[in-house]
Amino acid sequence: MSTCAELAVMLTEARAALHGLQIGGLVKTRQFGDKRIEYSAGNIGDLRAYVASLQAQVDACNGVARPGRAIHFMPVDC
């Protein structure tokens, strides 16, 4: 399990990789602990999901509550 400080560093690195891809970088390679991952325009969605996951973990470390998704109820004819 990563510490809050390690998660913050990982978030910064992941955001930098995402920014690089968004401004036209072809492939970004990042080392996260013992895992090496290559991101490209083809899997930018995976990188966005990773950034969101890290952000949620950092927020939890800092005691920031993020609202969940709204639940919408549809009326059903009985």
C-alpha atoms as a PDB file:
ATOM      1  CA  MET A   1       0.000   0.000   0.000  1.00  0.00           C
ATOM      2  CA  SER A   2       1.312   3.410  -0.934  1.00  0.00           C
ATOM      3  CA  THR A   3       1.592   6.285   1.486  1.00  0.00           C
ATOM      4  CA  CYS A   4      -0.293   9.531   0.923  1.00  0.00           C
ATOM      5  CA  ALA A   5       2.936  11.225  -0.175  1.00  0.00           C
ATOM      6  CA  GLU A   6       3.695   8.439  -2.664  1.00  0.00           C
ATOM      7  CA  LEU A   7       0.161   8.650  -4.055  1.00  0.00           C
ATOM      8  CA  ALA A   8       0.539  12.410  -4.531  1.00  0.00           C
ATOM      9  CA  VAL A   9       3.769  11.892  -6.491  1.00  0.00           C
ATOM     10  CA  MET A  10       2.158   9.176  -8.607  1.00  0.00           C
ATOM     11  CA  LEU A  11      -0.798  11.480  -9.321  1.00  0.00           C
ATOM     12  CA  THR A  12       1.532  14.271 -10.444  1.00  0.00           C
ATOM     13  CA  GLU A  13       3.399  11.879 -12.750  1.00  0.00           C
ATOM     14  CA  ALA A  14       0.187  10.427 -14.187  1.00  0.00           C
ATOM     15  CA  ARG A  15      -1.218  13.898 -14.829  1.00  0.00           C
ATOM     16  CA  ALA A  16       2.036  14.868 -16.592  1.00  0.00           C
ATOM     17  CA  ALA A  17       1.785  11.779 -18.797  1.00  0.00           C
ATOM     18  CA  LEU A  18      -1.843  12.587 -19.628  1.00  0.00           C
ATOM     19  CA  HIS A  19      -0.963  16.185 -20.443  1.00  0.00           C
ATOM     20  CA  GLY A  20       1.861  15.019 -22.702  1.00  0.00           C
ATOM     21  CA  LEU A  21      -0.490  12.781 -24.657  1.00  0.00           C
ATOM     22  CA  GLN A  22      -3.132  15.475 -24.908  1.00  0.00           C
ATOM     23  CA  ILE A  23      -0.718  17.955 -26.461  1.00  0.00           C
ATOM     24  CA  GLY A  24       0.457  15.526 -29.093  1.00  0.00           C
ATOM     25  CA  GLY A  25       2.941  13.146 -27.551  1.00  0.00           C
ATOM     26  CA  LEU A  26       2.869   9.765 -29.236  1.00  0.00           C
ATOM     27  CA  VAL A  27       3.794   7.474 -26.349  1.00  0.00           C
ATOM     28  CA  LYS A  28       4.480   8.176 -22.715  1.00  0.00           C
ATOM     29  CA  THR A  29       6.182   5.582 -20.562  1.00  0.00           C
ATOM     30  CA  ARG A  30       5.833   5.752 -16.810  1.00  0.00           C
ATOM     31  CA  GLN A  31       7.262   3.688 -13.996  1.00  0.00           C
ATOM     32  CA  PHE A  32       4.865   3.195 -11.091  1.00  0.00           C
ATOM     33  CA  GLY A  33       6.709   1.267  -8.440  1.00  0.00           C
ATOM     34  CA  ASP A  34       7.795  -1.971 -10.088  1.00  0.00           C
ATOM     35  CA  LYS A  35       5.264  -1.602 -12.903  1.00  0.00           C
ATOM     36  CA  ARG A  36       6.170   0.000 -16.243  1.00  0.00           C
ATOM     37  CA  ILE A  37       3.285   1.182 -18.404  1.00  0.00           C
ATOM     38  CA  GLU A  38       3.204   2.727 -21.860  1.00  0.00           C
ATOM     39  CA  TYR A  39       0.334   5.047 -22.670  1.00  0.00           C
ATOM     40  CA  SER A  40      -0.605   6.199 -26.152  1.00  0.00           C
ATOM     41  CA  ALA A  41      -3.548   7.949 -27.756  1.00  0.00           C
ATOM     42  CA  GLY A  42      -5.115   4.500 -28.174  1.00  0.00           C
ATOM     43  CA  ASN A  43      -5.397   3.884 -24.442  1.00  0.00           C
ATOM     44  CA  ILE A  44      -5.716   7.434 -23.149  1.00  0.00           C
ATOM     45  CA  GLY A  45      -8.996   6.398 -21.498  1.00  0.00           C
ATOM     46  CA  ASP A  46      -7.068   3.968 -19.299  1.00  0.00           C
ATOM     47  CA  LEU A  47      -4.736   6.775 -18.271  1.00  0.00           C
ATOM     48  CA  ARG A  48      -7.673   9.062 -17.465  1.00  0.00           C
ATOM     49  CA  ALA A  49      -9.194   6.309 -15.313  1.00  0.00           C
ATOM     50  CA  TYR A  50      -5.853   5.820 -13.549  1.00  0.00           C
ATOM     51  CA  VAL A  51      -5.615   9.577 -12.842  1.00  0.00           C
ATOM     52  CA  ALA A  52      -9.170   9.559 -11.454  1.00  0.00           C
ATOM     53  CA  SER A  53      -8.373   6.552  -9.259  1.00  0.00           C
ATOM     54  CA  LEU A  54      -5.243   8.198  -7.887  1.00  0.00           C
ATOM     55  CA  GLN A  55      -7.136  11.445  -7.305  1.00  0.00           C
ATOM     56  CA  ALA A  56      -9.764   9.576  -5.293  1.00  0.00           C
ATOM     57  CA  GLN A  57      -7.055   7.910  -3.191  1.00  0.00           C
ATOM     58  CA  VAL A  58      -5.275  11.218  -2.559  1.00  0.00           C
ATOM     59  CA  ASP A  59      -8.579  12.841  -1.650  1.00  0.00           C
ATOM     60  CA  ALA A  60      -9.297  10.022   0.811  1.00  0.00           C
ATOM     61  CA  CYS A  61      -5.868  10.555   2.396  1.00  0.00           C
ATOM     62  CA  ASN A  62      -6.638  14.240   2.783  1.00  0.00           C
ATOM     63  CA  GLY A  63     -10.122  13.660   4.160  1.00  0.00           C
ATOM     64  CA  VAL A  64     -11.847  15.141   1.115  1.00  0.00           C
ATOM     65  CA  ALA A  65     -15.242  13.622   0.475  1.00  0.00           C
ATOM     66  CA  ARG A  66     -16.273  13.484  -3.156  1.00  0.00           C
ATOM     67  CA  PRO A  67     -19.941  13.168  -3.935  1.00  0.00           C
ATOM     68  CA  GLY A  68     -20.969  10.010  -5.699  1.00  0.00           C
ATOM     69  CA  ARG A  69     -22.974   9.875  -8.852  1.00  0.00           C
ATOM     70  CA  ALA A  70     -26.566  10.951  -8.656  1.00  0.00           C
ATOM     71  CA  ILE A  71     -29.121   8.185  -8.598  1.00  0.00           C
ATOM     72  CA  HIS A  72     -32.166   8.763 -10.737  1.00  0.00           C
ATOM     73  CA  PHE A  73     -35.345   6.830 -10.167  1.00  0.00           C
ATOM     74  CA  MET A  74     -37.679   6.115 -13.020  1.00  0.00           C
ATOM     75  CA  PRO A  75     -41.378   5.754 -12.266  1.00  0.00           C
ATOM     76  CA  VAL A  76     -42.772   2.327 -13.042  1.00  0.00           C
ATOM     77  CA  ASP A  77     -46.392   1.727 -13.946  1.00  0.00           C
ATOM     78  CA  CYS A  78     -47.860  -0.800 -11.552  1.00  0.00           C
END
